[in-house]
């Protein structure tokens, strides 16, 4: 299989993908010879090109470098329709979210809408917990939201 065929299997138009600088000239390359991070970016690009009523993403940040994680979060922020549910262990680069749910010992807990959910989030990343302890609760969980809270006077 080629990357072009993989792109078509996702229901996408290859011409849209392989005109970008990072994929230019790679249409006939096997998806199995690129790095895991490149393959993850490729698959996420295919997924995000289409619009879904419901999109479930299991560990979408795995194998991505920091820059790719930020780009992915940016793309999620600008999706206008549908519900996106993300299952992740990522702690630093998180997307802007509407609601936090977490699973503890096999039980699903609804922590609520943001920012009120943050103090109830048992598994919150250390940097978010630290902001809350300092009385600087971020408005949301994205890297930019936490940075803004950290810089608040």
N, C-alpha and C. Protein backbone atom coordinates (compact mmCIF):
# COMPACT_ATOMS: atom_id res chain seq x y z
N UNK A 1 0.84 -1.18 0.00
CA UNK A 1 0.00 0.00 0.00
C UNK A 1 0.89 1.25 0.00
N UNK A 2 0.43 2.25 -0.69
CA UNK A 2 1.13 3.54 -0.72
C UNK A 2 0.41 4.54 0.17
N UNK A 3 1.07 5.65 0.46
CA UNK A 3 0.40 6.69 1.24
C UNK A 3 -0.80 7.24 0.49
N UNK A 4 -0.71 7.29 -0.83
CA UNK A 4 -1.84 7.76 -1.63
C UNK A 4 -3.03 6.82 -1.45
N UNK A 5 -2.78 5.52 -1.51
CA UNK A 5 -3.86 4.54 -1.32
C UNK A 5 -4.41 4.61 0.10
N UNK A 6 -3.53 4.83 1.07
CA UNK A 6 -3.97 4.97 2.47
C UNK A 6 -4.88 6.19 2.61
N UNK A 7 -4.51 7.27 1.97
CA UNK A 7 -5.30 8.50 1.99
C UNK A 7 -6.69 8.25 1.40
N UNK A 8 -6.74 7.57 0.27
CA UNK A 8 -8.01 7.24 -0.39
C UNK A 8 -8.86 6.34 0.50
N UNK A 9 -8.20 5.41 1.22
CA UNK A 9 -8.95 4.50 2.10
C UNK A 9 -9.66 5.25 3.23
N UNK A 10 -9.16 6.42 3.57
CA UNK A 10 -9.80 7.26 4.59
C UNK A 10 -10.90 8.13 3.97
N UNK A 11 -11.09 8.03 2.66
CA UNK A 11 -12.12 8.81 1.98
C UNK A 11 -11.68 10.23 1.68
N UNK A 12 -10.37 10.45 1.58
CA UNK A 12 -9.84 11.78 1.34
C UNK A 12 -9.28 11.89 -0.07
N UNK A 13 -9.16 13.12 -0.54
CA UNK A 13 -8.59 13.40 -1.85
C UNK A 13 -7.08 13.55 -1.72
N UNK A 14 -6.31 12.68 -2.35
CA UNK A 14 -4.85 12.73 -2.22
C UNK A 14 -4.24 14.06 -2.65
N UNK A 15 -4.83 14.71 -3.64
CA UNK A 15 -4.27 15.97 -4.14
C UNK A 15 -4.20 17.02 -3.03
N UNK A 16 -5.17 17.01 -2.11
CA UNK A 16 -5.17 17.96 -0.99
C UNK A 16 -4.02 17.71 -0.04
N UNK A 17 -3.68 16.46 0.17
CA UNK A 17 -2.65 16.08 1.14
C UNK A 17 -1.24 16.25 0.61
N UNK A 18 -1.01 15.78 -0.57
CA UNK A 18 0.35 15.68 -1.06
C UNK A 18 0.85 16.95 -1.73
N UNK A 19 0.11 18.03 -1.58
CA UNK A 19 0.59 19.33 -2.04
C UNK A 19 1.26 20.09 -0.89
N UNK A 20 1.08 19.61 0.35
CA UNK A 20 1.70 20.27 1.50
C UNK A 20 3.20 19.95 1.52
N UNK A 21 4.03 20.89 2.01
CA UNK A 21 5.49 20.71 1.98
C UNK A 21 5.98 19.43 2.65
N UNK A 22 5.36 19.03 3.77
CA UNK A 22 5.86 17.85 4.48
C UNK A 22 5.48 16.52 3.80
N UNK A 23 4.53 16.55 2.86
CA UNK A 23 4.13 15.32 2.16
C UNK A 23 4.42 15.33 0.66
N UNK A 24 4.93 16.45 0.18
CA UNK A 24 5.19 16.61 -1.25
C UNK A 24 6.12 15.50 -1.76
N UNK A 25 5.66 14.79 -2.78
CA UNK A 25 6.46 13.74 -3.39
C UNK A 25 6.44 12.41 -2.66
N UNK A 26 5.57 12.25 -1.67
CA UNK A 26 5.54 11.00 -0.89
C UNK A 26 4.34 10.12 -1.22
N UNK A 27 3.61 10.42 -2.28
CA UNK A 27 2.40 9.69 -2.61
C UNK A 27 2.62 8.20 -2.76
N UNK A 28 3.72 7.82 -3.39
CA UNK A 28 3.97 6.41 -3.68
C UNK A 28 4.78 5.71 -2.59
N UNK A 29 5.12 6.44 -1.54
CA UNK A 29 5.89 5.86 -0.43
C UNK A 29 4.97 5.01 0.45
N UNK A 30 5.49 3.92 0.95
CA UNK A 30 4.72 3.06 1.86
C UNK A 30 4.53 3.77 3.20
N UNK A 31 3.34 3.68 3.79
CA UNK A 31 3.14 4.26 5.11
C UNK A 31 3.96 3.54 6.18
N UNK A 32 4.51 2.38 5.86
CA UNK A 32 5.25 1.60 6.84
C UNK A 32 6.73 1.95 6.89
N UNK A 33 7.18 2.85 6.03
CA UNK A 33 8.59 3.25 6.06
C UNK A 33 8.80 4.62 6.69
N UNK A 34 7.71 5.29 7.05
CA UNK A 34 7.85 6.59 7.71
C UNK A 34 7.82 6.38 9.23
N UNK A 35 8.22 7.39 9.98
CA UNK A 35 8.26 7.26 11.44
C UNK A 35 6.85 7.15 12.00
N UNK A 36 6.76 6.68 13.23
CA UNK A 36 5.44 6.56 13.88
C UNK A 36 4.78 7.92 14.02
N UNK A 37 5.60 8.95 14.32
CA UNK A 37 5.05 10.30 14.45
C UNK A 37 4.50 10.82 13.13
N UNK A 38 5.24 10.56 12.04
CA UNK A 38 4.76 10.98 10.73
C UNK A 38 3.48 10.24 10.36
N UNK A 39 3.43 8.95 10.67
CA UNK A 39 2.23 8.16 10.38
C UNK A 39 1.04 8.65 11.20
N UNK A 40 1.29 8.97 12.47
CA UNK A 40 0.21 9.48 13.33
C UNK A 40 -0.30 10.82 12.79
N UNK A 41 0.61 11.73 12.41
CA UNK A 41 0.20 13.02 11.84
C UNK A 41 -0.61 12.81 10.56
N UNK A 42 -0.15 11.87 9.73
CA UNK A 42 -0.85 11.57 8.48
C UNK A 42 -2.27 11.09 8.76
N UNK A 43 -2.41 10.13 9.67
CA UNK A 43 -3.74 9.59 9.99
C UNK A 43 -4.64 10.65 10.63
N UNK A 44 -4.09 11.45 11.54
CA UNK A 44 -4.90 12.51 12.16
C UNK A 44 -5.34 13.53 11.11
N UNK A 45 -4.46 13.83 10.16
CA UNK A 45 -4.83 14.75 9.08
C UNK A 45 -5.99 14.19 8.27
N UNK A 46 -5.94 12.90 7.99
CA UNK A 46 -7.03 12.25 7.25
C UNK A 46 -8.33 12.33 8.04
N UNK A 47 -8.26 12.03 9.33
CA UNK A 47 -9.45 12.06 10.18
C UNK A 47 -10.02 13.48 10.26
N UNK A 48 -9.16 14.47 10.44
CA UNK A 48 -9.64 15.84 10.63
C UNK A 48 -10.09 16.52 9.35
N UNK A 49 -9.81 15.95 8.20
CA UNK A 49 -10.29 16.50 6.93
C UNK A 49 -11.79 16.32 6.76
N UNK A 50 -12.33 15.32 7.45
CA UNK A 50 -13.75 15.01 7.32
C UNK A 50 -14.51 15.55 8.54
N UNK A 51 -15.80 15.69 8.38
CA UNK A 51 -16.63 16.17 9.48
C UNK A 51 -17.52 15.03 9.97
N UNK A 52 -17.50 14.83 11.27
CA UNK A 52 -18.25 13.75 11.89
C UNK A 52 -19.16 14.32 12.97
N UNK A 53 -20.29 13.65 13.20
CA UNK A 53 -21.15 14.03 14.32
C UNK A 53 -20.47 13.67 15.64
N UNK A 54 -19.77 12.53 15.64
CA UNK A 54 -19.07 12.05 16.83
C UNK A 54 -17.71 11.52 16.42
N UNK A 55 -16.67 12.00 17.09
CA UNK A 55 -15.31 11.56 16.81
C UNK A 55 -14.68 11.10 18.12
N UNK A 56 -14.32 9.82 18.19
CA UNK A 56 -13.66 9.25 19.36
C UNK A 56 -12.18 9.09 19.04
N UNK A 57 -11.32 9.69 19.84
CA UNK A 57 -9.89 9.62 19.61
C UNK A 57 -9.22 8.99 20.82
N UNK A 58 -8.58 7.85 20.61
CA UNK A 58 -7.89 7.13 21.67
C UNK A 58 -6.39 7.39 21.56
N UNK A 59 -5.84 8.10 22.52
CA UNK A 59 -4.41 8.45 22.57
C UNK A 59 -3.92 9.11 21.28
N UNK A 60 -4.60 10.18 20.85
CA UNK A 60 -4.18 10.82 19.60
C UNK A 60 -2.82 11.52 19.70
N UNK A 61 -2.35 11.79 20.91
CA UNK A 61 -1.08 12.50 21.07
C UNK A 61 0.13 11.59 21.06
N UNK A 62 -0.08 10.27 21.17
CA UNK A 62 1.05 9.35 21.22
C UNK A 62 1.85 9.44 19.93
N UNK A 63 3.14 9.38 20.04
CA UNK A 63 4.10 9.43 18.92
C UNK A 63 4.26 10.81 18.30
N UNK A 64 3.55 11.80 18.79
CA UNK A 64 3.68 13.15 18.23
C UNK A 64 4.71 13.94 19.01
N UNK A 65 5.46 14.79 18.32
CA UNK A 65 6.38 15.69 19.01
C UNK A 65 5.58 16.88 19.53
N UNK A 66 6.22 17.73 20.32
CA UNK A 66 5.52 18.85 20.97
C UNK A 66 4.84 19.77 19.96
N UNK A 67 5.54 20.10 18.89
CA UNK A 67 4.98 20.99 17.88
C UNK A 67 3.74 20.37 17.24
N UNK A 68 3.80 19.08 16.93
CA UNK A 68 2.66 18.40 16.31
C UNK A 68 1.47 18.34 17.26
N UNK A 69 1.75 18.18 18.55
CA UNK A 69 0.66 18.17 19.54
C UNK A 69 -0.05 19.52 19.57
N UNK A 70 0.74 20.60 19.52
CA UNK A 70 0.15 21.94 19.52
C UNK A 70 -0.67 22.18 18.25
N UNK A 71 -0.14 21.76 17.11
CA UNK A 71 -0.86 21.91 15.84
C UNK A 71 -2.16 21.13 15.88
N UNK A 72 -2.12 19.91 16.40
CA UNK A 72 -3.32 19.08 16.51
C UNK A 72 -4.37 19.77 17.40
N UNK A 73 -3.94 20.29 18.55
CA UNK A 73 -4.88 21.01 19.45
C UNK A 73 -5.49 22.21 18.74
N UNK A 74 -4.68 22.92 17.96
CA UNK A 74 -5.17 24.08 17.21
C UNK A 74 -6.26 23.64 16.21
N UNK A 75 -6.03 22.53 15.52
CA UNK A 75 -7.03 22.03 14.57
C UNK A 75 -8.32 21.63 15.29
N UNK A 76 -8.20 21.02 16.45
CA UNK A 76 -9.40 20.64 17.21
C UNK A 76 -10.19 21.86 17.64
N UNK A 77 -9.48 22.91 18.04
CA UNK A 77 -10.13 24.14 18.50
C UNK A 77 -10.99 24.77 17.40
N UNK A 78 -10.58 24.62 16.16
CA UNK A 78 -11.28 25.27 15.06
C UNK A 78 -12.31 24.38 14.36
N UNK A 79 -12.58 23.22 14.90
CA UNK A 79 -13.67 22.40 14.37
C UNK A 79 -14.99 23.00 14.86
N UNK A 80 -15.90 23.17 13.96
CA UNK A 80 -17.13 23.89 14.30
C UNK A 80 -18.30 22.97 14.66
N UNK A 81 -18.27 21.73 14.20
CA UNK A 81 -19.43 20.86 14.41
C UNK A 81 -19.00 19.54 15.01
N UNK A 82 -19.95 18.89 15.66
CA UNK A 82 -19.72 17.55 16.17
C UNK A 82 -19.16 17.51 17.58
N UNK A 83 -19.21 16.32 18.14
CA UNK A 83 -18.69 16.06 19.48
C UNK A 83 -17.40 15.28 19.33
N UNK A 84 -16.37 15.71 20.05
CA UNK A 84 -15.09 15.02 20.04
C UNK A 84 -14.81 14.53 21.45
N UNK A 85 -14.56 13.24 21.58
CA UNK A 85 -14.20 12.65 22.87
C UNK A 85 -12.78 12.13 22.73
N UNK A 86 -11.91 12.59 23.65
CA UNK A 86 -10.50 12.20 23.60
C UNK A 86 -10.16 11.42 24.86
N UNK A 87 -9.58 10.25 24.66
CA UNK A 87 -9.04 9.45 25.75
C UNK A 87 -7.52 9.64 25.68
N UNK A 88 -6.91 10.15 26.74
CA UNK A 88 -5.48 10.42 26.68
C UNK A 88 -4.82 10.39 28.04
N UNK A 89 -3.52 10.10 28.02
CA UNK A 89 -2.67 10.23 29.20
C UNK A 89 -1.77 11.45 29.06
N UNK A 90 -1.92 12.18 27.97
CA UNK A 90 -1.13 13.39 27.74
C UNK A 90 -1.36 14.37 28.89
N UNK A 91 -0.33 15.03 29.32
CA UNK A 91 -0.46 15.98 30.43
C UNK A 91 -0.19 17.42 30.06
N UNK A 92 0.72 17.67 29.13
CA UNK A 92 1.13 19.04 28.87
C UNK A 92 0.32 19.70 27.76
N UNK A 93 0.27 19.08 26.61
CA UNK A 93 -0.39 19.70 25.46
C UNK A 93 -1.79 19.12 25.32
N UNK A 94 -2.74 19.84 25.84
CA UNK A 94 -4.13 19.39 25.82
C UNK A 94 -4.96 20.40 25.05
N UNK A 95 -6.03 19.95 24.43
CA UNK A 95 -6.88 20.89 23.68
C UNK A 95 -7.83 21.63 24.61
N UNK A 96 -8.35 22.72 24.11
CA UNK A 96 -9.41 23.45 24.79
C UNK A 96 -10.62 22.50 24.83
N UNK A 97 -11.24 22.32 25.99
CA UNK A 97 -12.35 21.37 26.11
C UNK A 97 -13.58 22.03 26.73
N UNK A 98 -14.72 21.39 26.57
CA UNK A 98 -15.96 21.88 27.17
C UNK A 98 -16.24 21.22 28.51
N UNK A 99 -15.80 19.96 28.64
CA UNK A 99 -16.17 19.17 29.81
C UNK A 99 -15.07 18.16 30.11
N UNK A 100 -14.87 17.85 31.39
CA UNK A 100 -13.88 16.85 31.77
C UNK A 100 -14.57 15.66 32.40
N UNK A 101 -14.20 14.50 31.88
CA UNK A 101 -14.61 13.21 32.43
C UNK A 101 -13.33 12.46 32.73
N UNK A 102 -13.35 11.63 33.74
CA UNK A 102 -12.18 10.79 33.98
C UNK A 102 -12.62 9.43 34.50
N UNK A 103 -11.77 8.45 34.20
CA UNK A 103 -12.03 7.08 34.64
C UNK A 103 -11.07 6.76 35.78
N UNK A 104 -11.64 6.36 36.92
CA UNK A 104 -10.83 5.97 38.07
C UNK A 104 -11.32 4.60 38.52
N UNK A 105 -10.40 3.63 38.54
CA UNK A 105 -10.73 2.25 38.93
C UNK A 105 -11.94 1.72 38.18
N UNK A 106 -12.00 2.02 36.89
CA UNK A 106 -13.06 1.50 36.04
C UNK A 106 -14.39 2.23 36.14
N UNK A 107 -14.44 3.32 36.90
CA UNK A 107 -15.68 4.08 37.05
C UNK A 107 -15.51 5.43 36.36
N UNK A 108 -16.50 5.82 35.54
CA UNK A 108 -16.47 7.08 34.82
C UNK A 108 -17.09 8.18 35.68
N UNK A 109 -16.33 9.27 35.86
CA UNK A 109 -16.79 10.41 36.64
C UNK A 109 -16.89 11.64 35.74
N UNK A 110 -18.02 12.34 35.84
CA UNK A 110 -18.20 13.60 35.13
C UNK A 110 -17.77 14.70 36.08
N UNK A 111 -16.66 15.35 35.77
CA UNK A 111 -16.14 16.42 36.64
C UNK A 111 -16.79 17.75 36.33
N UNK A 112 -17.48 17.85 35.18
CA UNK A 112 -18.23 19.05 34.88
C UNK A 112 -17.61 19.91 33.80
N UNK A 113 -18.22 21.08 33.64
CA UNK A 113 -17.77 22.04 32.63
C UNK A 113 -16.60 22.86 33.19
N UNK A 114 -15.85 23.45 32.31
CA UNK A 114 -14.70 24.27 32.66
C UNK A 114 -15.13 25.69 32.94
N UNK A 115 -14.46 26.42 33.82
CA UNK A 115 -13.30 26.02 34.62
C UNK A 115 -13.66 25.34 35.94
N UNK A 116 -14.94 25.27 36.27
CA UNK A 116 -15.36 24.69 37.55
C UNK A 116 -14.94 23.25 37.77
N UNK A 117 -14.73 22.51 36.69
CA UNK A 117 -14.36 21.10 36.79
C UNK A 117 -12.92 20.89 37.28
N UNK A 118 -12.08 21.88 37.09
CA UNK A 118 -10.66 21.70 37.38
C UNK A 118 -10.36 21.29 38.82
N UNK A 119 -10.93 21.94 39.83
CA UNK A 119 -10.64 21.51 41.21
C UNK A 119 -11.15 20.09 41.52
N UNK A 120 -12.13 19.60 40.77
CA UNK A 120 -12.68 18.26 40.99
C UNK A 120 -11.96 17.18 40.18
N UNK A 121 -11.03 17.57 39.33
CA UNK A 121 -10.32 16.66 38.45
C UNK A 121 -9.18 15.99 39.22
N UNK A 122 -9.43 14.77 39.68
CA UNK A 122 -8.45 14.05 40.51
C UNK A 122 -7.15 13.80 39.75
N UNK A 123 -7.22 13.52 38.48
CA UNK A 123 -6.04 13.20 37.70
C UNK A 123 -5.47 14.38 36.94
N UNK A 124 -5.77 15.58 37.38
CA UNK A 124 -5.25 16.76 36.69
C UNK A 124 -3.74 16.73 36.64
N UNK A 125 -3.16 17.17 35.53
CA UNK A 125 -1.70 17.22 35.43
C UNK A 125 -1.11 18.11 36.53
N UNK A 126 0.12 17.81 36.95
CA UNK A 126 0.74 18.57 38.05
C UNK A 126 0.77 20.08 37.84
N UNK A 127 1.02 20.53 36.62
CA UNK A 127 1.09 21.98 36.40
C UNK A 127 -0.29 22.65 36.57
N UNK A 128 -1.36 21.93 36.26
CA UNK A 128 -2.69 22.50 36.47
C UNK A 128 -3.03 22.49 37.96
N UNK A 129 -2.70 21.41 38.65
CA UNK A 129 -2.92 21.36 40.10
C UNK A 129 -2.17 22.49 40.79
N UNK A 130 -0.94 22.76 40.36
CA UNK A 130 -0.13 23.82 40.96
C UNK A 130 -0.78 25.18 40.76
N UNK A 131 -1.32 25.43 39.57
CA UNK A 131 -2.01 26.70 39.31
C UNK A 131 -3.22 26.86 40.24
N UNK A 132 -3.97 25.79 40.41
CA UNK A 132 -5.16 25.84 41.26
C UNK A 132 -4.76 26.11 42.71
N UNK A 133 -3.69 25.44 43.17
CA UNK A 133 -3.19 25.67 44.53
C UNK A 133 -2.79 27.12 44.75
N UNK A 134 -2.29 27.76 43.71
CA UNK A 134 -1.87 29.17 43.80
C UNK A 134 -3.04 30.13 43.63
N UNK A 135 -4.25 29.58 43.45
CA UNK A 135 -5.43 30.42 43.27
C UNK A 135 -5.53 31.00 41.87
N UNK A 136 -4.84 30.41 40.93
CA UNK A 136 -4.86 30.88 39.54
C UNK A 136 -5.48 29.82 38.64
N UNK A 137 -6.73 29.51 38.87
CA UNK A 137 -7.40 28.48 38.09
C UNK A 137 -7.48 28.89 36.62
N UNK A 138 -6.92 28.07 35.73
CA UNK A 138 -7.00 28.39 34.30
C UNK A 138 -8.45 28.36 33.82
N UNK A 139 -8.73 29.09 32.77
CA UNK A 139 -10.07 29.07 32.20
C UNK A 139 -10.36 27.76 31.48
N UNK A 140 -9.28 27.10 31.03
CA UNK A 140 -9.41 25.81 30.35
C UNK A 140 -8.09 25.07 30.50
N UNK A 141 -7.91 23.96 29.78
CA UNK A 141 -6.74 23.12 30.03
C UNK A 141 -5.68 23.18 28.93
N UNK A 142 -5.89 24.00 27.92
CA UNK A 142 -4.88 24.08 26.87
C UNK A 142 -3.61 24.69 27.43
N UNK A 143 -2.51 24.45 26.75
CA UNK A 143 -1.21 24.99 27.16
C UNK A 143 -1.30 26.52 27.30
N UNK A 144 -1.97 27.16 26.35
CA UNK A 144 -2.11 28.61 26.37
C UNK A 144 -2.94 29.08 27.57
N UNK A 145 -4.00 28.33 27.91
CA UNK A 145 -4.83 28.70 29.06
C UNK A 145 -4.05 28.61 30.36
N UNK A 146 -3.24 27.56 30.50
CA UNK A 146 -2.44 27.38 31.71
C UNK A 146 -1.36 28.45 31.78
N UNK A 147 -0.74 28.76 30.66
CA UNK A 147 0.29 29.80 30.62
C UNK A 147 -0.31 31.15 31.00
N UNK A 148 -1.49 31.44 30.50
CA UNK A 148 -2.16 32.71 30.84
C UNK A 148 -2.44 32.76 32.33
N UNK A 149 -2.89 31.68 32.92
CA UNK A 149 -3.17 31.65 34.35
C UNK A 149 -1.88 31.85 35.15
N UNK A 150 -0.80 31.25 34.71
CA UNK A 150 0.49 31.37 35.40
C UNK A 150 0.99 32.81 35.38
N UNK A 151 0.68 33.53 34.33
CA UNK A 151 1.16 34.92 34.19
C UNK A 151 0.24 35.94 34.82
N UNK A 152 -0.93 35.51 35.29
CA UNK A 152 -1.88 36.42 35.93
C UNK A 152 -1.29 37.03 37.19
N UNK A 153 -1.56 38.31 37.42
CA UNK A 153 -1.07 38.94 38.66
C UNK A 153 -2.12 38.91 39.73
